[in-house]
Amino acid sequence: MSFFNQRGIFLQLMSPTIVNPREAQVSMQLARMEMLWDPVNELHTEALVDSVYVKAISDDGGRSFNINVIGSDVDGDGDIDNDDKAKLLALAKAYASIVNP
């Protein structure tokens, strides 16, 4: 994240398991950075706030994903619905298709 963009998405593609070599898991963290003041050390510090963690799982090598639970409004329209899920699924699929991130 930069000074000008206070929002960030952190993605991690997990390795397939021995049990299911076609499994792909994408771990996603959506967060916002806030500048805080530390009065003890008299320093500005950065903290990630409003973090949302989601794990998308694929059983077909990353062609399609599934998310069990979405607990936050990620698209900012005021409700938690299938639009939030669709956006996160698209993000997971796009990230899994990148060969050299």
Protein backbone atom coordinates (compact mmCIF):
# COMPACT_ATOMS: atom_id res chain seq x y z
CA MET A 1 0.00 0.00 0.00
CA SER A 2 1.15 3.49 -0.63
CA PHE A 3 0.50 6.86 0.92
CA PHE A 4 -1.97 7.66 -1.89
CA ASN A 5 -3.82 4.33 -1.86
CA GLN A 6 -4.84 3.23 1.62
CA ARG A 7 -6.55 -0.02 0.52
CA GLY A 8 -4.84 -3.28 -0.31
CA ILE A 9 -5.44 -6.88 -1.24
CA PHE A 10 -2.97 -9.56 -0.24
CA LEU A 11 -3.21 -12.86 -2.11
CA GLN A 12 -1.51 -16.20 -1.58
CA LEU A 13 -1.85 -19.31 -3.75
CA MET A 14 -1.50 -22.43 -1.60
CA SER A 15 0.14 -25.59 -2.90
CA PRO A 16 -2.05 -28.58 -3.72
CA THR A 17 -2.39 -31.25 -1.06
CA ILE A 18 -1.18 -34.83 -1.41
CA VAL A 19 -4.76 -36.03 -1.00
CA ASN A 20 -6.03 -33.90 -3.92
CA PRO A 21 -3.29 -32.77 -6.34
CA ARG A 22 -5.88 -30.84 -8.43
CA GLU A 23 -6.85 -28.67 -5.47
CA ALA A 24 -6.00 -24.99 -5.53
CA GLN A 25 -6.57 -22.61 -2.62
CA VAL A 26 -6.33 -18.84 -2.78
CA SER A 27 -6.12 -17.02 0.54
CA MET A 28 -7.23 -13.38 0.32
CA GLN A 29 -6.91 -10.55 2.82
CA LEU A 30 -8.58 -7.24 2.07
CA ALA A 31 -7.51 -4.42 4.37
CA ARG A 32 -7.25 -0.68 4.82
CA MET A 33 -4.14 1.04 6.17
CA GLU A 34 -4.45 3.73 8.83
CA MET A 35 -1.79 6.07 10.15
CA LEU A 36 -1.80 6.11 13.95
CA TRP A 37 0.10 8.11 16.54
CA ASP A 38 2.10 6.22 19.17
CA PRO A 39 2.24 8.67 22.13
CA VAL A 40 4.73 6.54 24.09
CA ASN A 41 7.40 6.50 21.36
CA GLU A 42 6.18 9.71 19.71
CA LEU A 43 6.09 8.08 16.29
CA HIS A 44 3.58 7.64 13.50
CA THR A 45 2.77 3.99 12.95
CA GLU A 46 0.82 2.16 10.28
CA ALA A 47 -1.83 -0.43 11.06
CA LEU A 48 -4.06 -2.61 8.90
CA VAL A 49 -7.69 -2.17 9.89
CA ASP A 50 -11.01 -3.53 8.65
CA SER A 51 -9.30 -6.73 7.52
CA VAL A 52 -11.40 -9.35 5.77
CA TYR A 53 -10.04 -12.88 5.30
CA VAL A 54 -11.47 -15.20 2.66
CA LYS A 55 -10.30 -18.56 1.34
CA ALA A 56 -11.40 -19.74 -2.11
CA ILE A 57 -11.00 -23.44 -2.90
CA SER A 58 -10.91 -25.17 -6.28
CA ASP A 59 -11.05 -28.91 -6.95
CA ASP A 60 -10.40 -28.60 -10.69
CA GLY A 61 -6.96 -27.00 -10.75
CA GLY A 62 -8.19 -23.40 -10.54
CA ARG A 63 -10.80 -23.31 -13.32
CA SER A 64 -13.62 -22.70 -10.83
CA PHE A 65 -13.61 -21.78 -7.14
CA ASN A 66 -15.97 -21.98 -4.19
CA ILE A 67 -16.19 -19.76 -1.11
CA ASN A 68 -18.14 -21.09 1.86
CA VAL A 69 -18.62 -17.98 4.00
CA ILE A 70 -18.47 -14.27 3.23
CA GLY A 71 -18.81 -12.14 6.34
CA SER A 72 -18.27 -8.67 4.93
CA ASP A 73 -19.56 -6.29 2.27
CA VAL A 74 -16.55 -6.15 -0.06
CA ASP A 75 -18.09 -4.14 -2.90
CA GLY A 76 -19.45 -1.35 -0.71
CA ASP A 77 -23.09 -1.51 -1.78
CA GLY A 78 -24.35 -1.93 1.80
CA ASP A 79 -25.22 -5.61 1.82
CA ILE A 80 -23.52 -9.00 1.83
CA ASP A 81 -24.79 -10.90 -1.18
CA ASN A 82 -23.90 -12.92 -4.27
CA ASP A 83 -22.28 -9.86 -5.89
CA ASP A 84 -19.63 -9.84 -3.15
CA LYS A 85 -19.06 -13.56 -3.64
CA ALA A 86 -18.83 -13.21 -7.44
CA LYS A 87 -16.19 -10.49 -7.17
CA LEU A 88 -14.07 -12.56 -4.78
CA LEU A 89 -14.42 -15.69 -6.93
CA ALA A 90 -13.31 -13.74 -10.01
CA LEU A 91 -10.32 -12.39 -8.08
CA ALA A 92 -9.31 -15.90 -6.94
CA LYS A 93 -9.63 -17.31 -10.47
CA ALA A 94 -7.61 -14.47 -11.97
CA TYR A 95 -4.86 -14.81 -9.37
CA ALA A 96 -4.65 -18.60 -9.74
CA SER A 97 -4.17 -18.17 -13.50
CA ILE A 98 -1.08 -15.97 -13.11
CA VAL A 99 1.93 -18.19 -13.76
CA ASN A 100 4.69 -16.02 -12.23
CA PRO A 101 3.24 -13.58 -9.68
